[in-house]
Amino acid sequence: MNITLWVLQGLLAFAFGMAGNMKAFSYEKFKKQAGAHAPSKNLALFIGLCEITGAIGLILPWATGVVPVLTPVAASALALVMILGVGYHLQLKDPFSKAVPALVLFFLSVLVAAGRF
């Protein structure tokens, strides 16, 4: 179980790190991908920084043993961010396929949070 959780944490950290990096530091690229309903630059920066911080929180506390409870807290916070992302896509009446990646990341984050709590 521990190895499975580490693999999930690594995959999630990579996914959130890359997505957060694009939102925070490559807004024009993100805006092109997001389309007409892209959030403002400041909101995208905030979301991106939250995702990057969460990605670090998925790995560092558990790996170092310094306040390891922060790992499931980070996973829970990222799950909340993904639920908000799904709600955003549903509010815009986007095709369901646009919300699927957020749903997958939500479920994986919940698995990590439950496994590490």
C-alpha atoms as a PDB file:
ATOM      1  CA  MET A   1       0.000   0.000   0.000  1.00  0.00           C
ATOM      2  CA  ASN A   2       2.838   2.389   0.827  1.00  0.00           C
ATOM      3  CA  ILE A   3       4.407   1.941  -2.619  1.00  0.00           C
ATOM      4  CA  THR A   4       1.060   2.540  -4.315  1.00  0.00           C
ATOM      5  CA  LEU A   5       0.567   5.738  -2.338  1.00  0.00           C
ATOM      6  CA  TRP A   6       4.078   6.925  -3.230  1.00  0.00           C
ATOM      7  CA  VAL A   7       3.419   6.276  -6.925  1.00  0.00           C
ATOM      8  CA  LEU A   8       0.121   8.188  -6.711  1.00  0.00           C
ATOM      9  CA  GLN A   9       1.805  11.029  -4.835  1.00  0.00           C
ATOM     10  CA  GLY A  10       4.520  11.229  -7.478  1.00  0.00           C
ATOM     11  CA  LEU A  11       2.028  11.247 -10.342  1.00  0.00           C
ATOM     12  CA  LEU A  12      -0.132  13.851  -8.646  1.00  0.00           C
ATOM     13  CA  ALA A  13       2.854  16.035  -7.776  1.00  0.00           C
ATOM     14  CA  PHE A  14       4.006  15.913 -11.397  1.00  0.00           C
ATOM     15  CA  ALA A  15       0.535  16.686 -12.781  1.00  0.00           C
ATOM     16  CA  PHE A  16      -0.157  19.532 -10.363  1.00  0.00           C
ATOM     17  CA  GLY A  17       3.366  20.901 -10.697  1.00  0.00           C
ATOM     18  CA  MET A  18       3.141  21.048 -14.483  1.00  0.00           C
ATOM     19  CA  ALA A  19      -0.378  22.482 -14.516  1.00  0.00           C
ATOM     20  CA  GLY A  20       0.493  25.014 -11.835  1.00  0.00           C
ATOM     21  CA  ASN A  21       3.658  26.021 -13.648  1.00  0.00           C
ATOM     22  CA  MET A  22       1.732  26.728 -16.835  1.00  0.00           C
ATOM     23  CA  LYS A  23      -0.943  28.745 -15.033  1.00  0.00           C
ATOM     24  CA  ALA A  24       1.511  30.726 -12.919  1.00  0.00           C
ATOM     25  CA  PHE A  25       4.349  31.343 -15.354  1.00  0.00           C
ATOM     26  CA  SER A  26       2.983  30.814 -18.886  1.00  0.00           C
ATOM     27  CA  TYR A  27      -0.372  32.554 -18.761  1.00  0.00           C
ATOM     28  CA  GLU A  28      -0.613  33.178 -22.505  1.00  0.00           C
ATOM     29  CA  LYS A  29      -0.135  29.470 -23.241  1.00  0.00           C
ATOM     30  CA  PHE A  30      -2.701  28.603 -20.562  1.00  0.00           C
ATOM     31  CA  LYS A  31      -5.141  31.178 -21.926  1.00  0.00           C
ATOM     32  CA  LYS A  32      -4.820  29.725 -25.421  1.00  0.00           C
ATOM     33  CA  GLN A  33      -5.557  26.220 -24.093  1.00  0.00           C
ATOM     34  CA  ALA A  34      -8.406  27.340 -21.837  1.00  0.00           C
ATOM     35  CA  GLY A  35     -10.175  29.255 -24.557  1.00  0.00           C
ATOM     36  CA  ALA A  36     -12.547  32.174 -24.267  1.00  0.00           C
ATOM     37  CA  HIS A  37     -13.513  31.494 -20.661  1.00  0.00           C
ATOM     38  CA  ALA A  38      -9.994  31.504 -19.209  1.00  0.00           C
ATOM     39  CA  PRO A  39      -9.783  33.013 -15.730  1.00  0.00           C
ATOM     40  CA  SER A  40      -8.028  36.328 -15.260  1.00  0.00           C
ATOM     41  CA  LYS A  41      -4.262  36.403 -15.054  1.00  0.00           C
ATOM     42  CA  ASN A  42      -4.313  37.057 -11.297  1.00  0.00           C
ATOM     43  CA  LEU A  43      -6.738  34.210 -10.618  1.00  0.00           C
ATOM     44  CA  ALA A  44      -4.711  31.852 -12.814  1.00  0.00           C
ATOM     45  CA  LEU A  45      -1.564  32.900 -10.933  1.00  0.00           C
ATOM     46  CA  PHE A  46      -3.253  32.182  -7.594  1.00  0.00           C
ATOM     47  CA  ILE A  47      -4.519  28.778  -8.741  1.00  0.00           C
ATOM     48  CA  GLY A  48      -1.134  27.928 -10.235  1.00  0.00           C
ATOM     49  CA  LEU A  49       0.741  28.824  -7.059  1.00  0.00           C
ATOM     50  CA  CYS A  50      -1.740  26.763  -5.005  1.00  0.00           C
ATOM     51  CA  GLU A  51      -1.170  23.779  -7.292  1.00  0.00           C
ATOM     52  CA  ILE A  52       2.626  24.128  -7.114  1.00  0.00           C
ATOM     53  CA  THR A  53       2.513  24.422  -3.318  1.00  0.00           C
ATOM     54  CA  GLY A  54       0.211  21.401  -3.149  1.00  0.00           C
ATOM     55  CA  ALA A  55       2.567  19.392  -5.371  1.00  0.00           C
ATOM     56  CA  ILE A  56       5.441  20.135  -3.006  1.00  0.00           C
ATOM     57  CA  GLY A  57       3.212  19.297  -0.035  1.00  0.00           C
ATOM     58  CA  LEU A  58       2.381  15.890  -1.508  1.00  0.00           C
ATOM     59  CA  ILE A  59       6.020  14.789  -1.411  1.00  0.00           C
ATOM     60  CA  LEU A  60       8.241  16.807   0.904  1.00  0.00           C
ATOM     61  CA  PRO A  61       6.604  16.443   4.348  1.00  0.00           C
ATOM     62  CA  TRP A  62       6.115  12.678   4.091  1.00  0.00           C
ATOM     63  CA  ALA A  63       9.545  12.085   2.562  1.00  0.00           C
ATOM     64  CA  THR A  64      11.404  14.110   5.189  1.00  0.00           C
ATOM     65  CA  GLY A  65       9.268  13.114   8.167  1.00  0.00           C
ATOM     66  CA  VAL A  66       8.958  16.797   9.107  1.00  0.00           C
ATOM     67  CA  VAL A  67       5.288  17.420   9.936  1.00  0.00           C
ATOM     68  CA  PRO A  68       4.111  14.508   7.767  1.00  0.00           C
ATOM     69  CA  VAL A  69       0.464  15.350   8.444  1.00  0.00           C
ATOM     70  CA  LEU A  70       0.879  18.104   5.842  1.00  0.00           C
ATOM     71  CA  THR A  71       0.903  15.500   3.048  1.00  0.00           C
ATOM     72  CA  PRO A  72      -2.717  14.368   3.512  1.00  0.00           C
ATOM     73  CA  VAL A  73      -3.688  17.988   4.184  1.00  0.00           C
ATOM     74  CA  ALA A  74      -2.120  18.985   0.847  1.00  0.00           C
ATOM     75  CA  ALA A  75      -3.923  16.118  -0.897  1.00  0.00           C
ATOM     76  CA  SER A  76      -7.215  17.225   0.655  1.00  0.00           C
ATOM     77  CA  ALA A  77      -6.653  20.839  -0.391  1.00  0.00           C
ATOM     78  CA  LEU A  78      -5.854  19.764  -3.949  1.00  0.00           C
ATOM     79  CA  ALA A  79      -9.028  17.656  -3.986  1.00  0.00           C
ATOM     80  CA  LEU A  80     -10.957  20.792  -3.040  1.00  0.00           C
ATOM     81  CA  VAL A  81      -9.276  22.743  -5.851  1.00  0.00           C
ATOM     82  CA  MET A  82     -10.310  20.017  -8.301  1.00  0.00           C
ATOM     83  CA  ILE A  83     -13.926  20.042  -7.111  1.00  0.00           C
ATOM     84  CA  LEU A  84     -13.954  23.796  -7.701  1.00  0.00           C
ATOM     85  CA  GLY A  85     -12.478  23.174 -11.157  1.00  0.00           C
ATOM     86  CA  VAL A  86     -15.233  20.677 -11.995  1.00  0.00           C
ATOM     87  CA  GLY A  87     -17.830  23.179 -10.783  1.00  0.00           C
ATOM     88  CA  TYR A  88     -16.263  25.861 -12.958  1.00  0.00           C
ATOM     89  CA  HIS A  89     -16.528  23.664 -16.065  1.00  0.00           C
ATOM     90  CA  LEU A  90     -20.105  22.709 -15.254  1.00  0.00           C
ATOM     91  CA  GLN A  91     -21.040  26.341 -14.660  1.00  0.00           C
ATOM     92  CA  LEU A  92     -19.679  27.257 -18.087  1.00  0.00           C
ATOM     93  CA  LYS A  93     -21.661  24.363 -19.571  1.00  0.00           C
ATOM     94  CA  ASP A  94     -18.468  22.955 -21.058  1.00  0.00           C
ATOM     95  CA  PRO A  95     -18.614  19.445 -22.476  1.00  0.00           C
ATOM     96  CA  PHE A  96     -18.228  16.875 -19.711  1.00  0.00           C
ATOM     97  CA  SER A  97     -14.937  15.762 -21.270  1.00  0.00           C
ATOM     98  CA  LYS A  98     -13.350  19.033 -20.097  1.00  0.00           C
ATOM     99  CA  ALA A  99     -14.179  18.181 -16.479  1.00  0.00           C
ATOM    100  CA  VAL A 100     -12.879  14.588 -16.631  1.00  0.00           C
ATOM    101  CA  PRO A 101      -9.196  15.412 -15.896  1.00  0.00           C
ATOM    102  CA  ALA A 102     -10.228  17.393 -12.814  1.00  0.00           C
ATOM    103  CA  LEU A 103     -12.434  14.509 -11.661  1.00  0.00           C
ATOM    104  CA  VAL A 104      -9.604  12.005 -12.082  1.00  0.00           C
ATOM    105  CA  LEU A 105      -7.208  14.244 -10.138  1.00  0.00           C
ATOM    106  CA  PHE A 106      -9.901  14.708  -7.479  1.00  0.00           C
ATOM    107  CA  PHE A 107     -10.327  10.965  -6.942  1.00  0.00           C
ATOM    108  CA  LEU A 108      -6.578  10.321  -6.890  1.00  0.00           C
ATOM    109  CA  SER A 109      -6.101  13.151  -4.376  1.00  0.00           C
ATOM    110  CA  VAL A 110      -8.829  11.703  -2.163  1.00  0.00           C
ATOM    111  CA  LEU A 111      -7.131   8.287  -2.303  1.00  0.00           C
ATOM    112  CA  VAL A 112      -3.814   9.794  -1.196  1.00  0.00           C
ATOM    113  CA  ALA A 113      -5.471  11.838   1.552  1.00  0.00           C
ATOM    114  CA  ALA A 114      -7.367   8.811   2.878  1.00  0.00           C
ATOM    115  CA  GLY A 115      -4.320   6.572   2.657  1.00  0.00           C
ATOM    116  CA  ARG A 116      -2.023   9.010   4.438  1.00  0.00           C
ATOM    117  CA  PHE A 117      -4.440  10.126   7.158  1.00  0.00           C
END
